[in-house]
Amino acid sequence: MNAHALLDFLVKEYKLKNDAALSRALGVRPSVLSKIRARTLGVSGDMKILIYKKTGMSIEDIEEFLEKT
């Protein structure tokens, strides 16, 4: 799972400064993104749906990022 690629893409695509700004944009606690980056928490189905709702990015595209090595 390559959550880093997904999070990095979201920060860059939406011209955000960092993960803290991304967490505010998504409406999640910064610790959630920190745990995802640290691989202690996976990208759940709920998180995928949240990203879809907030960005319009398709679930298929989100999953494609996560499948990259």
PDB file of N, CA and C in Angstrom:
ATOM      1  N   MET A   1       0.844  -1.181   0.000  1.00  0.00           N
ATOM      2  CA  MET A   1       0.000   0.000   0.000  1.00  0.00           C
ATOM      3  C   MET A   1       0.887   1.241   0.000  1.00  0.00           C
ATOM      4  N   ASN A   2       0.638   2.154  -0.889  1.00  0.00           N
ATOM      5  CA  ASN A   2       1.447   3.360  -0.981  1.00  0.00           C
ATOM      6  C   ASN A   2       0.609   4.586  -0.644  1.00  0.00           C
ATOM      7  N   ALA A   3       0.304   4.722   0.614  1.00  0.00           N
ATOM      8  CA  ALA A   3      -0.483   5.868   1.070  1.00  0.00           C
ATOM      9  C   ALA A   3       0.297   7.165   0.903  1.00  0.00           C
ATOM     10  N   HIS A   4       1.630   7.087   0.961  1.00  0.00           N
ATOM     11  CA  HIS A   4       2.444   8.299   0.782  1.00  0.00           C
ATOM     12  C   HIS A   4       2.151   8.947  -0.564  1.00  0.00           C
ATOM     13  N   ALA A   5       2.087   8.141  -1.618  1.00  0.00           N
ATOM     14  CA  ALA A   5       1.824   8.684  -2.955  1.00  0.00           C
ATOM     15  C   ALA A   5       0.479   9.386  -3.002  1.00  0.00           C
ATOM     16  N   LEU A   6      -0.521   8.792  -2.382  1.00  0.00           N
ATOM     17  CA  LEU A   6      -1.855   9.394  -2.362  1.00  0.00           C
ATOM     18  C   LEU A   6      -1.841  10.707  -1.593  1.00  0.00           C
ATOM     19  N   LEU A   7      -1.288  10.704  -0.390  1.00  0.00           N
ATOM     20  CA  LEU A   7      -1.267  11.923   0.419  1.00  0.00           C
ATOM     21  C   LEU A   7      -0.427  13.008  -0.239  1.00  0.00           C
ATOM     22  N   ASP A   8       0.718  12.629  -0.793  1.00  0.00           N
ATOM     23  CA  ASP A   8       1.561  13.607  -1.496  1.00  0.00           C
ATOM     24  C   ASP A   8       0.824  14.212  -2.680  1.00  0.00           C
ATOM     25  N   PHE A   9       0.112  13.377  -3.430  1.00  0.00           N
ATOM     26  CA  PHE A   9      -0.669  13.867  -4.566  1.00  0.00           C
ATOM     27  C   PHE A   9      -1.724  14.869  -4.107  1.00  0.00           C
ATOM     28  N   LEU A  10      -2.447  14.541  -3.049  1.00  0.00           N
ATOM     29  CA  LEU A  10      -3.507  15.432  -2.566  1.00  0.00           C
ATOM     30  C   LEU A  10      -2.942  16.774  -2.115  1.00  0.00           C
ATOM     31  N   VAL A  11      -1.831  16.753  -1.395  1.00  0.00           N
ATOM     32  CA  VAL A  11      -1.200  18.003  -0.945  1.00  0.00           C
ATOM     33  C   VAL A  11      -0.795  18.849  -2.153  1.00  0.00           C
ATOM     34  N   LYS A  12      -0.158  18.213  -3.131  1.00  0.00           N
ATOM     35  CA  LYS A  12       0.312  18.947  -4.318  1.00  0.00           C
ATOM     36  C   LYS A  12      -0.849  19.405  -5.192  1.00  0.00           C
ATOM     37  N   GLU A  13      -1.785  18.514  -5.474  1.00  0.00           N
ATOM     38  CA  GLU A  13      -2.894  18.819  -6.381  1.00  0.00           C
ATOM     39  C   GLU A  13      -3.763  19.965  -5.872  1.00  0.00           C
ATOM     40  N   TYR A  14      -3.957  20.010  -4.566  1.00  0.00           N
ATOM     41  CA  TYR A  14      -4.829  21.036  -3.991  1.00  0.00           C
ATOM     42  C   TYR A  14      -4.043  22.184  -3.394  1.00  0.00           C
ATOM     43  N   LYS A  15      -2.744  22.244  -3.761  1.00  0.00           N
ATOM     44  CA  LYS A  15      -1.864  23.351  -3.392  1.00  0.00           C
ATOM     45  C   LYS A  15      -1.905  23.648  -1.891  1.00  0.00           C
ATOM     46  N   LEU A  16      -1.773  22.571  -1.132  1.00  0.00           N
ATOM     47  CA  LEU A  16      -1.755  22.686   0.320  1.00  0.00           C
ATOM     48  C   LEU A  16      -0.313  22.723   0.804  1.00  0.00           C
ATOM     49  N   LYS A  17      -0.113  23.329   1.956  1.00  0.00           N
ATOM     50  CA  LYS A  17       1.244  23.491   2.471  1.00  0.00           C
ATOM     51  C   LYS A  17       1.827  22.197   3.021  1.00  0.00           C
ATOM     52  N   ASN A  18       0.976  21.396   3.675  1.00  0.00           N
ATOM     53  CA  ASN A  18       1.482  20.201   4.347  1.00  0.00           C
ATOM     54  C   ASN A  18       0.323  19.296   4.760  1.00  0.00           C
ATOM     55  N   ASP A  19       0.654  18.253   5.505  1.00  0.00           N
ATOM     56  CA  ASP A  19      -0.375  17.314   5.957  1.00  0.00           C
ATOM     57  C   ASP A  19      -1.368  17.965   6.919  1.00  0.00           C
ATOM     58  N   ALA A  20      -0.917  18.932   7.700  1.00  0.00           N
ATOM     59  CA  ALA A  20      -1.837  19.622   8.620  1.00  0.00           C
ATOM     60  C   ALA A  20      -2.928  20.337   7.824  1.00  0.00           C
ATOM     61  N   ALA A  21      -2.545  20.975   6.736  1.00  0.00           N
ATOM     62  CA  ALA A  21      -3.530  21.647   5.882  1.00  0.00           C
ATOM     63  C   ALA A  21      -4.439  20.619   5.218  1.00  0.00           C
ATOM     64  N   LEU A  22      -3.879  19.489   4.827  1.00  0.00           N
ATOM     65  CA  LEU A  22      -4.687  18.425   4.230  1.00  0.00           C
ATOM     66  C   LEU A  22      -5.683  17.879   5.245  1.00  0.00           C
ATOM     67  N   SER A  23      -5.252  17.708   6.467  1.00  0.00           N
ATOM     68  CA  SER A  23      -6.171  17.195   7.489  1.00  0.00           C
ATOM     69  C   SER A  23      -7.327  18.157   7.704  1.00  0.00           C
ATOM     70  N   ARG A  24      -7.053  19.458   7.682  1.00  0.00           N
ATOM     71  CA  ARG A  24      -8.135  20.448   7.813  1.00  0.00           C
ATOM     72  C   ARG A  24      -9.069  20.384   6.615  1.00  0.00           C
ATOM     73  N   ALA A  25      -8.505  20.233   5.435  1.00  0.00           N
ATOM     74  CA  ALA A  25      -9.324  20.168   4.218  1.00  0.00           C
ATOM     75  C   ALA A  25     -10.221  18.935   4.213  1.00  0.00           C
ATOM     76  N   LEU A  26      -9.710  17.833   4.745  1.00  0.00           N
ATOM     77  CA  LEU A  26     -10.480  16.596   4.772  1.00  0.00           C
ATOM     78  C   LEU A  26     -11.388  16.503   6.000  1.00  0.00           C
ATOM     79  N   GLY A  27     -11.092  17.323   7.003  1.00  0.00           N
ATOM     80  CA  GLY A  27     -11.887  17.281   8.222  1.00  0.00           C
ATOM     81  C   GLY A  27     -11.530  16.122   9.135  1.00  0.00           C
ATOM     82  N   VAL A  28     -10.241  15.749   9.131  1.00  0.00           N
ATOM     83  CA  VAL A  28      -9.766  14.688  10.019  1.00  0.00           C
ATOM     84  C   VAL A  28      -8.654  15.245  10.898  1.00  0.00           C
ATOM     85  N   ARG A  29      -8.383  14.569  11.990  1.00  0.00           N
ATOM     86  CA  ARG A  29      -7.305  14.995  12.882  1.00  0.00           C
ATOM     87  C   ARG A  29      -5.949  14.778  12.203  1.00  0.00           C
ATOM     88  N   PRO A  30      -5.008  15.673  12.438  1.00  0.00           N
ATOM     89  CA  PRO A  30      -3.669  15.494  11.861  1.00  0.00           C
ATOM     90  C   PRO A  30      -3.045  14.148  12.224  1.00  0.00           C
ATOM     91  N   SER A  31      -3.369  13.647  13.410  1.00  0.00           N
ATOM     92  CA  SER A  31      -2.790  12.370  13.831  1.00  0.00           C
ATOM     93  C   SER A  31      -3.225  11.219  12.927  1.00  0.00           C
ATOM     94  N   VAL A  32      -4.380  11.338  12.310  1.00  0.00           N
ATOM     95  CA  VAL A  32      -4.846  10.284  11.394  1.00  0.00           C
ATOM     96  C   VAL A  32      -3.901  10.184  10.205  1.00  0.00           C
ATOM     97  N   LEU A  33      -3.577  11.325   9.611  1.00  0.00           N
ATOM     98  CA  LEU A  33      -2.668  11.307   8.460  1.00  0.00           C
ATOM     99  C   LEU A  33      -1.264  10.875   8.890  1.00  0.00           C
ATOM    100  N   SER A  34      -0.855  11.289  10.082  1.00  0.00           N
ATOM    101  CA  SER A  34       0.448  10.880  10.594  1.00  0.00           C
ATOM    102  C   SER A  34       0.513   9.368  10.752  1.00  0.00           C
ATOM    103  N   LYS A  35      -0.541   8.771  11.280  1.00  0.00           N
ATOM    104  CA  LYS A  35      -0.575   7.315  11.451  1.00  0.00           C
ATOM    105  C   LYS A  35      -0.619   6.592  10.106  1.00  0.00           C
ATOM    106  N   ILE A  36      -1.313   7.174   9.130  1.00  0.00           N
ATOM    107  CA  ILE A  36      -1.333   6.575   7.790  1.00  0.00           C
ATOM    108  C   ILE A  36       0.070   6.602   7.200  1.00  0.00           C
ATOM    109  N   ARG A  37       0.758   7.726   7.339  1.00  0.00           N
ATOM    110  CA  ARG A  37       2.130   7.817   6.811  1.00  0.00           C
ATOM    111  C   ARG A  37       3.074   6.850   7.518  1.00  0.00           C
ATOM    112  N   ALA A  38       2.853   6.655   8.818  1.00  0.00           N
ATOM    113  CA  ALA A  38       3.701   5.765   9.603  1.00  0.00           C
ATOM    114  C   ALA A  38       3.321   4.297   9.422  1.00  0.00           C
ATOM    115  N   ARG A  39       2.289   4.054   8.644  1.00  0.00           N
ATOM    116  CA  ARG A  39       1.787   2.710   8.357  1.00  0.00           C
ATOM    117  C   ARG A  39       1.247   1.982   9.587  1.00  0.00           C
ATOM    118  N   THR A  40       0.851   2.757  10.602  1.00  0.00           N
ATOM    119  CA  THR A  40       0.207   2.142  11.756  1.00  0.00           C
ATOM    120  C   THR A  40      -1.309   2.159  11.586  1.00  0.00           C
ATOM    121  N   LEU A  41      -1.757   2.862  10.558  1.00  0.00           N
ATOM    122  CA  LEU A  41      -3.177   2.929  10.226  1.00  0.00           C
ATOM    123  C   LEU A  41      -3.291   2.872   8.710  1.00  0.00           C
ATOM    124  N   GLY A  42      -4.173   2.027   8.229  1.00  0.00           N
ATOM    125  CA  GLY A  42      -4.389   1.933   6.792  1.00  0.00           C
ATOM    126  C   GLY A  42      -5.386   2.970   6.308  1.00  0.00           C
ATOM    127  N   VAL A  43      -5.505   3.083   5.007  1.00  0.00           N
ATOM    128  CA  VAL A  43      -6.504   3.967   4.408  1.00  0.00           C
ATOM    129  C   VAL A  43      -7.803   3.164   4.351  1.00  0.00           C
ATOM    130  N   SER A  44      -8.692   3.488   5.251  1.00  0.00           N
ATOM    131  CA  SER A  44      -9.944   2.735   5.375  1.00  0.00           C
ATOM    132  C   SER A  44     -10.905   3.082   4.245  1.00  0.00           C
ATOM    133  N   GLY A  45     -11.931   2.274   4.137  1.00  0.00           N
ATOM    134  CA  GLY A  45     -12.996   2.564   3.176  1.00  0.00           C
ATOM    135  C   GLY A  45     -13.633   3.916   3.466  1.00  0.00           C
ATOM    136  N   ASP A  46     -13.812   4.223   4.748  1.00  0.00           N
ATOM    137  CA  ASP A  46     -14.385   5.522   5.124  1.00  0.00           C
ATOM    138  C   ASP A  46     -13.488   6.665   4.668  1.00  0.00           C
ATOM    139  N   MET A  47     -12.167   6.486   4.802  1.00  0.00           N
ATOM    140  CA  MET A  47     -11.231   7.532   4.374  1.00  0.00           C
ATOM    141  C   MET A  47     -11.281   7.689   2.859  1.00  0.00           C
ATOM    142  N   LYS A  48     -11.385   6.586   2.139  1.00  0.00           N
ATOM    143  CA  LYS A  48     -11.491   6.663   0.675  1.00  0.00           C
ATOM    144  C   LYS A  48     -12.742   7.435   0.272  1.00  0.00           C
ATOM    145  N   ILE A  49     -13.845   7.156   0.937  1.00  0.00           N
ATOM    146  CA  ILE A  49     -15.097   7.854   0.633  1.00  0.00           C
ATOM    147  C   ILE A  49     -14.978   9.330   0.979  1.00  0.00           C
ATOM    148  N   LEU A  50     -14.335   9.645   2.094  1.00  0.00           N
ATOM    149  CA  LEU A  50     -14.135  11.037   2.483  1.00  0.00           C
ATOM    150  C   LEU A  50     -13.310  11.781   1.432  1.00  0.00           C
ATOM    151  N   ILE A  51     -12.232  11.163   0.973  1.00  0.00           N
ATOM    152  CA  ILE A  51     -11.397  11.781  -0.064  1.00  0.00           C
ATOM    153  C   ILE A  51     -12.224  11.992  -1.331  1.00  0.00           C
ATOM    154  N   TYR A  52     -13.008  11.000  -1.700  1.00  0.00           N
ATOM    155  CA  TYR A  52     -13.887  11.119  -2.861  1.00  0.00           C
ATOM    156  C   TYR A  52     -14.850  12.293  -2.698  1.00  0.00           C
ATOM    157  N   LYS A  53     -15.497  12.384  -1.550  1.00  0.00           N
ATOM    158  CA  LYS A  53     -16.484  13.445  -1.323  1.00  0.00           C
ATOM    159  C   LYS A  53     -15.847  14.832  -1.310  1.00  0.00           C
ATOM    160  N   LYS A  54     -14.672  14.950  -0.716  1.00  0.00           N
ATOM    161  CA  LYS A  54     -14.023  16.264  -0.585  1.00  0.00           C
ATOM    162  C   LYS A  54     -13.314  16.704  -1.862  1.00  0.00           C
ATOM    163  N   THR A  55     -12.849  15.737  -2.685  1.00  0.00           N
ATOM    164  CA  THR A  55     -12.044  16.103  -3.849  1.00  0.00           C
ATOM    165  C   THR A  55     -12.695  15.778  -5.181  1.00  0.00           C
ATOM    166  N   GLY A  56     -13.632  14.837  -5.171  1.00  0.00           N
ATOM    167  CA  GLY A  56     -14.215  14.382  -6.430  1.00  0.00           C
ATOM    168  C   GLY A  56     -13.371  13.339  -7.126  1.00  0.00           C
ATOM    169  N   MET A  57     -12.265  12.972  -6.503  1.00  0.00           N
ATOM    170  CA  MET A  57     -11.383  11.945  -7.055  1.00  0.00           C
ATOM    171  C   MET A  57     -12.109  10.606  -6.994  1.00  0.00           C
ATOM    172  N   SER A  58     -12.060   9.835  -8.050  1.00  0.00           N
ATOM    173  CA  SER A  58     -12.800   8.571  -8.069  1.00  0.00           C
ATOM    174  C   SER A  58     -12.182   7.559  -7.104  1.00  0.00           C
ATOM    175  N   ILE A  59     -13.009   6.662  -6.614  1.00  0.00           N
ATOM    176  CA  ILE A  59     -12.529   5.594  -5.741  1.00  0.00           C
ATOM    177  C   ILE A  59     -11.485   4.754  -6.477  1.00  0.00           C
ATOM    178  N   GLU A  60     -11.691   4.540  -7.771  1.00  0.00           N
ATOM    179  CA  GLU A  60     -10.734   3.769  -8.570  1.00  0.00           C
ATOM    180  C   GLU A  60      -9.373   4.452  -8.599  1.00  0.00           C
ATOM    181  N   ASP A  61      -9.356   5.776  -8.765  1.00  0.00           N
ATOM    182  CA  ASP A  61      -8.087   6.504  -8.783  1.00  0.00           C
ATOM    183  C   ASP A  61      -7.408   6.456  -7.414  1.00  0.00           C
ATOM    184  N   ILE A  62      -8.197   6.574  -6.368  1.00  0.00           N
ATOM    185  CA  ILE A  62      -7.647   6.491  -5.010  1.00  0.00           C
ATOM    186  C   ILE A  62      -7.002   5.132  -4.812  1.00  0.00           C
ATOM    187  N   GLU A  63      -7.700   4.088  -5.182  1.00  0.00           N
ATOM    188  CA  GLU A  63      -7.169   2.734  -5.020  1.00  0.00           C
ATOM    189  C   GLU A  63      -5.939   2.509  -5.900  1.00  0.00           C
ATOM    190  N   GLU A  64      -5.902   3.127  -7.058  1.00  0.00           N
ATOM    191  CA  GLU A  64      -4.734   2.998  -7.945  1.00  0.00           C
ATOM    192  C   GLU A  64      -3.502   3.570  -7.260  1.00  0.00           C
ATOM    193  N   PHE A  65      -3.637   4.734  -6.606  1.00  0.00           N
ATOM    194  CA  PHE A  65      -2.508   5.301  -5.854  1.00  0.00           C
ATOM    195  C   PHE A  65      -2.045   4.331  -4.778  1.00  0.00           C
ATOM    196  N   LEU A  66      -2.990   3.714  -4.095  1.00  0.00           N
ATOM    197  CA  LEU A  66      -2.651   2.831  -2.992  1.00  0.00           C
ATOM    198  C   LEU A  66      -1.989   1.542  -3.464  1.00  0.00           C
ATOM    199  N   GLU A  67      -2.221   1.158  -4.712  1.00  0.00           N
ATOM    200  CA  GLU A  67      -1.634  -0.066  -5.244  1.00  0.00           C
ATOM    201  C   GLU A  67      -0.224   0.128  -5.779  1.00  0.00           C
ATOM    202  N   LYS A  68       0.173   1.385  -6.007  1.00  0.00           N
ATOM    203  CA  LYS A  68       1.514   1.659  -6.511  1.00  0.00           C
ATOM    204  C   LYS A  68       2.545   1.253  -5.474  1.00  0.00           C
ATOM    205  N   THR A  69       3.682   0.766  -5.971  1.00  0.00           N
ATOM    206  CA  THR A  69       4.740   0.355  -5.036  1.00  0.00           C
ATOM    207  C   THR A  69       5.821   1.384  -4.958  1.00  0.00           C
TER     208      THR A  69
END
